[in-house]
Amino acid sequence: MKSGAIAGDLVAVQGIGALGHLGIQYAKKAGYKTVAISNGKDKEELARKLGADEYIDASIGKFHAAKTLNAMGGAKVILATAPNAEAISSLIEGLGPDSKLIVLGLSFEPIQVGLSPNSLFAFCSAFAFLSRSYSSPPHTNE
């Protein structure tokens, strides 16, 4: 994963649908401390069977997941797989320093970034990551 995460880092996967299932399994196999985030307790058992070390029920409150991630030291990566801009926006504060938010489940609504140092740094890092990922290599005359 080109996210900058290394084995042992905290990686959160938001959404336990098709992409989330895979995200949890890949994160666990890569050696990350894996946290699954979804609404309701009904998905906790599945998340743990897939490899999640922890489960956060985001239905407890709008910023509950972010606060819980912060209490764990902040996520190095949050992989957002559910296309819900409000839910994704509420997770940004759960990012740790020098971290990335990777959005796979795109919504037609805008993702809102707060003004805290963590969220601004994460946004700038994510933008730089995407810019590098999608830029064209230099052309040569060889």
C-alpha atoms as a PDB file:
ATOM      1  CA  MET A   1       0.000   0.000   0.000  1.00  0.00           C
ATOM      2  CA  LYS A   2       1.455   3.377  -0.959  1.00  0.00           C
ATOM      3  CA  SER A   3      -0.269   5.021   1.988  1.00  0.00           C
ATOM      4  CA  GLY A   4       2.835   5.371   4.111  1.00  0.00           C
ATOM      5  CA  ALA A   5       1.511   2.902   6.680  1.00  0.00           C
ATOM      6  CA  ILE A   6       3.810   0.208   8.021  1.00  0.00           C
ATOM      7  CA  ALA A   7       3.031  -2.965   9.955  1.00  0.00           C
ATOM      8  CA  GLY A   8       1.634  -2.102  13.370  1.00  0.00           C
ATOM      9  CA  ASP A   9       0.125   1.232  12.295  1.00  0.00           C
ATOM     10  CA  LEU A  10      -3.550   1.848  12.948  1.00  0.00           C
ATOM     11  CA  VAL A  11      -5.643   1.558   9.784  1.00  0.00           C
ATOM     12  CA  ALA A  12      -9.391   2.198   9.941  1.00  0.00           C
ATOM     13  CA  VAL A  13     -11.858   0.903   7.365  1.00  0.00           C
ATOM     14  CA  GLN A  14     -15.155   2.790   7.179  1.00  0.00           C
ATOM     15  CA  GLY A  15     -18.010   0.728   5.780  1.00  0.00           C
ATOM     16  CA  ILE A  16     -18.367  -3.040   5.873  1.00  0.00           C
ATOM     17  CA  GLY A  17     -19.762  -3.633   2.391  1.00  0.00           C
ATOM     18  CA  ALA A  18     -18.005  -5.235  -0.567  1.00  0.00           C
ATOM     19  CA  LEU A  19     -14.987  -2.901  -0.543  1.00  0.00           C
ATOM     20  CA  GLY A  20     -14.902  -2.750   3.244  1.00  0.00           C
ATOM     21  CA  HIS A  21     -14.771  -6.561   3.488  1.00  0.00           C
ATOM     22  CA  LEU A  22     -11.671  -6.545   1.306  1.00  0.00           C
ATOM     23  CA  GLY A  23     -10.145  -3.532   3.058  1.00  0.00           C
ATOM     24  CA  ILE A  24     -10.370  -5.185   6.475  1.00  0.00           C
ATOM     25  CA  GLN A  25      -8.834  -8.419   5.191  1.00  0.00           C
ATOM     26  CA  TYR A  26      -5.975  -6.688   3.333  1.00  0.00           C
ATOM     27  CA  ALA A  27      -5.204  -4.410   6.284  1.00  0.00           C
ATOM     28  CA  LYS A  28      -5.047  -7.357   8.670  1.00  0.00           C
ATOM     29  CA  LYS A  29      -2.861  -9.441   6.317  1.00  0.00           C
ATOM     30  CA  ALA A  30      -0.509  -6.459   5.898  1.00  0.00           C
ATOM     31  CA  GLY A  31       0.042  -6.406   9.659  1.00  0.00           C
ATOM     32  CA  TYR A  32      -1.823  -3.201  10.489  1.00  0.00           C
ATOM     33  CA  LYS A  33      -3.832  -2.741  13.662  1.00  0.00           C
ATOM     34  CA  THR A  34      -7.197  -2.867  11.914  1.00  0.00           C
ATOM     35  CA  VAL A  35     -10.275  -0.957  13.061  1.00  0.00           C
ATOM     36  CA  ALA A  36     -13.635  -1.435  11.351  1.00  0.00           C
ATOM     37  CA  ILE A  37     -16.173   1.402  11.462  1.00  0.00           C
ATOM     38  CA  SER A  38     -19.848   0.984  10.677  1.00  0.00           C
ATOM     39  CA  ASN A  39     -23.293   1.885  11.996  1.00  0.00           C
ATOM     40  CA  GLY A  40     -24.808  -0.484  14.549  1.00  0.00           C
ATOM     41  CA  LYS A  41     -23.579  -3.427  16.559  1.00  0.00           C
ATOM     42  CA  ASP A  42     -24.955  -5.960  14.053  1.00  0.00           C
ATOM     43  CA  LYS A  43     -21.813  -5.810  11.885  1.00  0.00           C
ATOM     44  CA  GLU A  44     -19.274  -6.180  14.704  1.00  0.00           C
ATOM     45  CA  GLU A  45     -19.141  -9.975  14.630  1.00  0.00           C
ATOM     46  CA  LEU A  46     -18.581 -10.028  10.851  1.00  0.00           C
ATOM     47  CA  ALA A  47     -15.912  -7.316  11.083  1.00  0.00           C
ATOM     48  CA  ARG A  48     -14.004  -9.308  13.696  1.00  0.00           C
ATOM     49  CA  LYS A  49     -14.296 -12.526  11.642  1.00  0.00           C
ATOM     50  CA  LEU A  50     -12.798 -10.637   8.682  1.00  0.00           C
ATOM     51  CA  GLY A  51      -9.836  -9.592  10.844  1.00  0.00           C
ATOM     52  CA  ALA A  52     -10.724  -6.335  12.585  1.00  0.00           C
ATOM     53  CA  ASP A  53      -8.916  -5.929  15.889  1.00  0.00           C
ATOM     54  CA  GLU A  54     -11.426  -3.300  17.008  1.00  0.00           C
ATOM     55  CA  TYR A  55     -14.916  -2.240  15.980  1.00  0.00           C
ATOM     56  CA  ILE A  56     -16.405   1.235  16.307  1.00  0.00           C
ATOM     57  CA  ASP A  57     -20.158   1.738  16.175  1.00  0.00           C
ATOM     58  CA  ALA A  58     -20.451   5.120  14.430  1.00  0.00           C
ATOM     59  CA  SER A  59     -24.186   5.309  15.161  1.00  0.00           C
ATOM     60  CA  ILE A  60     -23.412   6.283  18.776  1.00  0.00           C
ATOM     61  CA  GLY A  61     -22.736   9.858  17.675  1.00  0.00           C
ATOM     62  CA  LYS A  62     -21.534  11.935  14.733  1.00  0.00           C
ATOM     63  CA  PHE A  63     -17.933  12.257  15.946  1.00  0.00           C
ATOM     64  CA  HIS A  64     -17.783   9.104  18.100  1.00  0.00           C
ATOM     65  CA  ALA A  65     -15.580   7.221  15.618  1.00  0.00           C
ATOM     66  CA  ALA A  66     -13.111  10.111  15.278  1.00  0.00           C
ATOM     67  CA  LYS A  67     -12.884  10.535  19.055  1.00  0.00           C
ATOM     68  CA  THR A  68     -12.321   6.805  19.498  1.00  0.00           C
ATOM     69  CA  LEU A  69      -9.592   6.766  16.837  1.00  0.00           C
ATOM     70  CA  ASN A  70      -7.913   9.724  18.544  1.00  0.00           C
ATOM     71  CA  ALA A  71      -8.019   7.876  21.872  1.00  0.00           C
ATOM     72  CA  MET A  72      -6.158   5.029  20.096  1.00  0.00           C
ATOM     73  CA  GLY A  73      -3.477   7.472  18.925  1.00  0.00           C
ATOM     74  CA  GLY A  74      -5.023   8.484  15.599  1.00  0.00           C
ATOM     75  CA  ALA A  75      -5.249   6.486  12.401  1.00  0.00           C
ATOM     76  CA  LYS A  76      -2.343   6.428   9.976  1.00  0.00           C
ATOM     77  CA  VAL A  77      -4.860   5.636   7.232  1.00  0.00           C
ATOM     78  CA  ILE A  78      -8.624   5.801   7.026  1.00  0.00           C
ATOM     79  CA  LEU A  79      -9.999   3.844   4.091  1.00  0.00           C
ATOM     80  CA  ALA A  80     -13.489   5.209   3.397  1.00  0.00           C
ATOM     81  CA  THR A  81     -15.517   2.713   1.401  1.00  0.00           C
ATOM     82  CA  ALA A  82     -19.123   3.762   2.105  1.00  0.00           C
ATOM     83  CA  PRO A  83     -20.297   6.605  -0.184  1.00  0.00           C
ATOM     84  CA  ASN A  84     -21.527   8.927   2.554  1.00  0.00           C
ATOM     85  CA  ALA A  85     -19.882  12.372   2.563  1.00  0.00           C
ATOM     86  CA  GLU A  86     -21.167  13.267   6.028  1.00  0.00           C
ATOM     87  CA  ALA A  87     -19.801  10.040   7.525  1.00  0.00           C
ATOM     88  CA  ILE A  88     -16.447  10.483   5.785  1.00  0.00           C
ATOM     89  CA  SER A  89     -16.217  14.133   6.885  1.00  0.00           C
ATOM     90  CA  SER A  90     -16.840  13.129  10.499  1.00  0.00           C
ATOM     91  CA  LEU A  91     -13.850  10.747  10.428  1.00  0.00           C
ATOM     92  CA  ILE A  92     -11.199  13.263   9.377  1.00  0.00           C
ATOM     93  CA  GLU A  93     -10.525  14.333  12.956  1.00  0.00           C
ATOM     94  CA  GLY A  94      -9.613  10.700  13.714  1.00  0.00           C
ATOM     95  CA  LEU A  95      -6.503  10.913  11.550  1.00  0.00           C
ATOM     96  CA  GLY A  96      -3.146  11.074  13.286  1.00  0.00           C
ATOM     97  CA  PRO A  97      -0.190  13.220  12.236  1.00  0.00           C
ATOM     98  CA  ASP A  98       1.264  12.494   8.783  1.00  0.00           C
ATOM     99  CA  SER A  99      -1.702  10.343   7.819  1.00  0.00           C
ATOM    100  CA  LYS A 100      -3.981   9.799   4.837  1.00  0.00           C
ATOM    101  CA  LEU A 101      -7.673   9.569   4.095  1.00  0.00           C
ATOM    102  CA  ILE A 102      -8.269   7.315   1.097  1.00  0.00           C
ATOM    103  CA  VAL A 103     -11.785   7.655  -0.299  1.00  0.00           C
ATOM    104  CA  LEU A 104     -13.004   4.740  -2.423  1.00  0.00           C
ATOM    105  CA  GLY A 105     -16.728   5.211  -1.923  1.00  0.00           C
ATOM    106  CA  LEU A 106     -17.370   8.536  -3.620  1.00  0.00           C
ATOM    107  CA  SER A 107     -20.498  10.524  -2.919  1.00  0.00           C
ATOM    108  CA  PHE A 108     -22.024  13.329  -4.963  1.00  0.00           C
ATOM    109  CA  GLU A 109     -22.022  15.445  -1.797  1.00  0.00           C
ATOM    110  CA  PRO A 110     -18.870  17.389  -0.830  1.00  0.00           C
ATOM    111  CA  ILE A 111     -16.544  16.112   1.881  1.00  0.00           C
ATOM    112  CA  GLN A 112     -16.029  18.863   4.427  1.00  0.00           C
ATOM    113  CA  VAL A 113     -12.613  19.394   5.977  1.00  0.00           C
ATOM    114  CA  GLY A 114     -12.382  21.182   9.321  1.00  0.00           C
ATOM    115  CA  LEU A 115      -9.695  23.632  10.335  1.00  0.00           C
ATOM    116  CA  SER A 116      -7.814  21.572  12.894  1.00  0.00           C
ATOM    117  CA  PRO A 117      -4.086  20.983  12.256  1.00  0.00           C
ATOM    118  CA  ASN A 118      -4.640  17.222  11.821  1.00  0.00           C
ATOM    119  CA  SER A 119      -7.405  17.575   9.260  1.00  0.00           C
ATOM    120  CA  LEU A 120      -5.614  20.240   7.215  1.00  0.00           C
ATOM    121  CA  PHE A 121      -2.367  18.269   7.216  1.00  0.00           C
ATOM    122  CA  ALA A 122      -4.221  15.094   6.221  1.00  0.00           C
ATOM    123  CA  PHE A 123      -6.049  16.920   3.434  1.00  0.00           C
ATOM    124  CA  CYS A 124      -2.815  18.395   2.055  1.00  0.00           C
ATOM    125  CA  SER A 125      -1.047  15.023   2.293  1.00  0.00           C
ATOM    126  CA  ALA A 126      -3.936  13.263   0.561  1.00  0.00           C
ATOM    127  CA  PHE A 127      -4.006  15.858  -2.218  1.00  0.00           C
ATOM    128  CA  ALA A 128      -0.250  15.493  -2.714  1.00  0.00           C
ATOM    129  CA  PHE A 129      -0.627  11.685  -2.730  1.00  0.00           C
ATOM    130  CA  LEU A 130      -3.349  11.815  -5.377  1.00  0.00           C
ATOM    131  CA  SER A 131      -1.421  14.350  -7.439  1.00  0.00           C
ATOM    132  CA  ARG A 132       1.611  12.072  -7.514  1.00  0.00           C
ATOM    133  CA  SER A 133      -0.540   9.019  -8.243  1.00  0.00           C
ATOM    134  CA  TYR A 134      -2.254  10.530 -11.270  1.00  0.00           C
ATOM    135  CA  SER A 135       0.467  12.692 -12.763  1.00  0.00           C
ATOM    136  CA  SER A 136       2.049  11.625 -16.010  1.00  0.00           C
ATOM    137  CA  PRO A 137       5.664  10.545 -16.064  1.00  0.00           C
ATOM    138  CA  PRO A 138       8.022  12.914 -17.864  1.00  0.00           C
ATOM    139  CA  HIS A 139       8.402  12.244 -21.567  1.00  0.00           C
ATOM    140  CA  THR A 140      11.798  11.348 -22.887  1.00  0.00           C
ATOM    141  CA  ASN A 141      13.124  11.218 -26.416  1.00  0.00           C
ATOM    142  CA  GLU A 142      14.712   7.811 -26.039  1.00  0.00           C
END
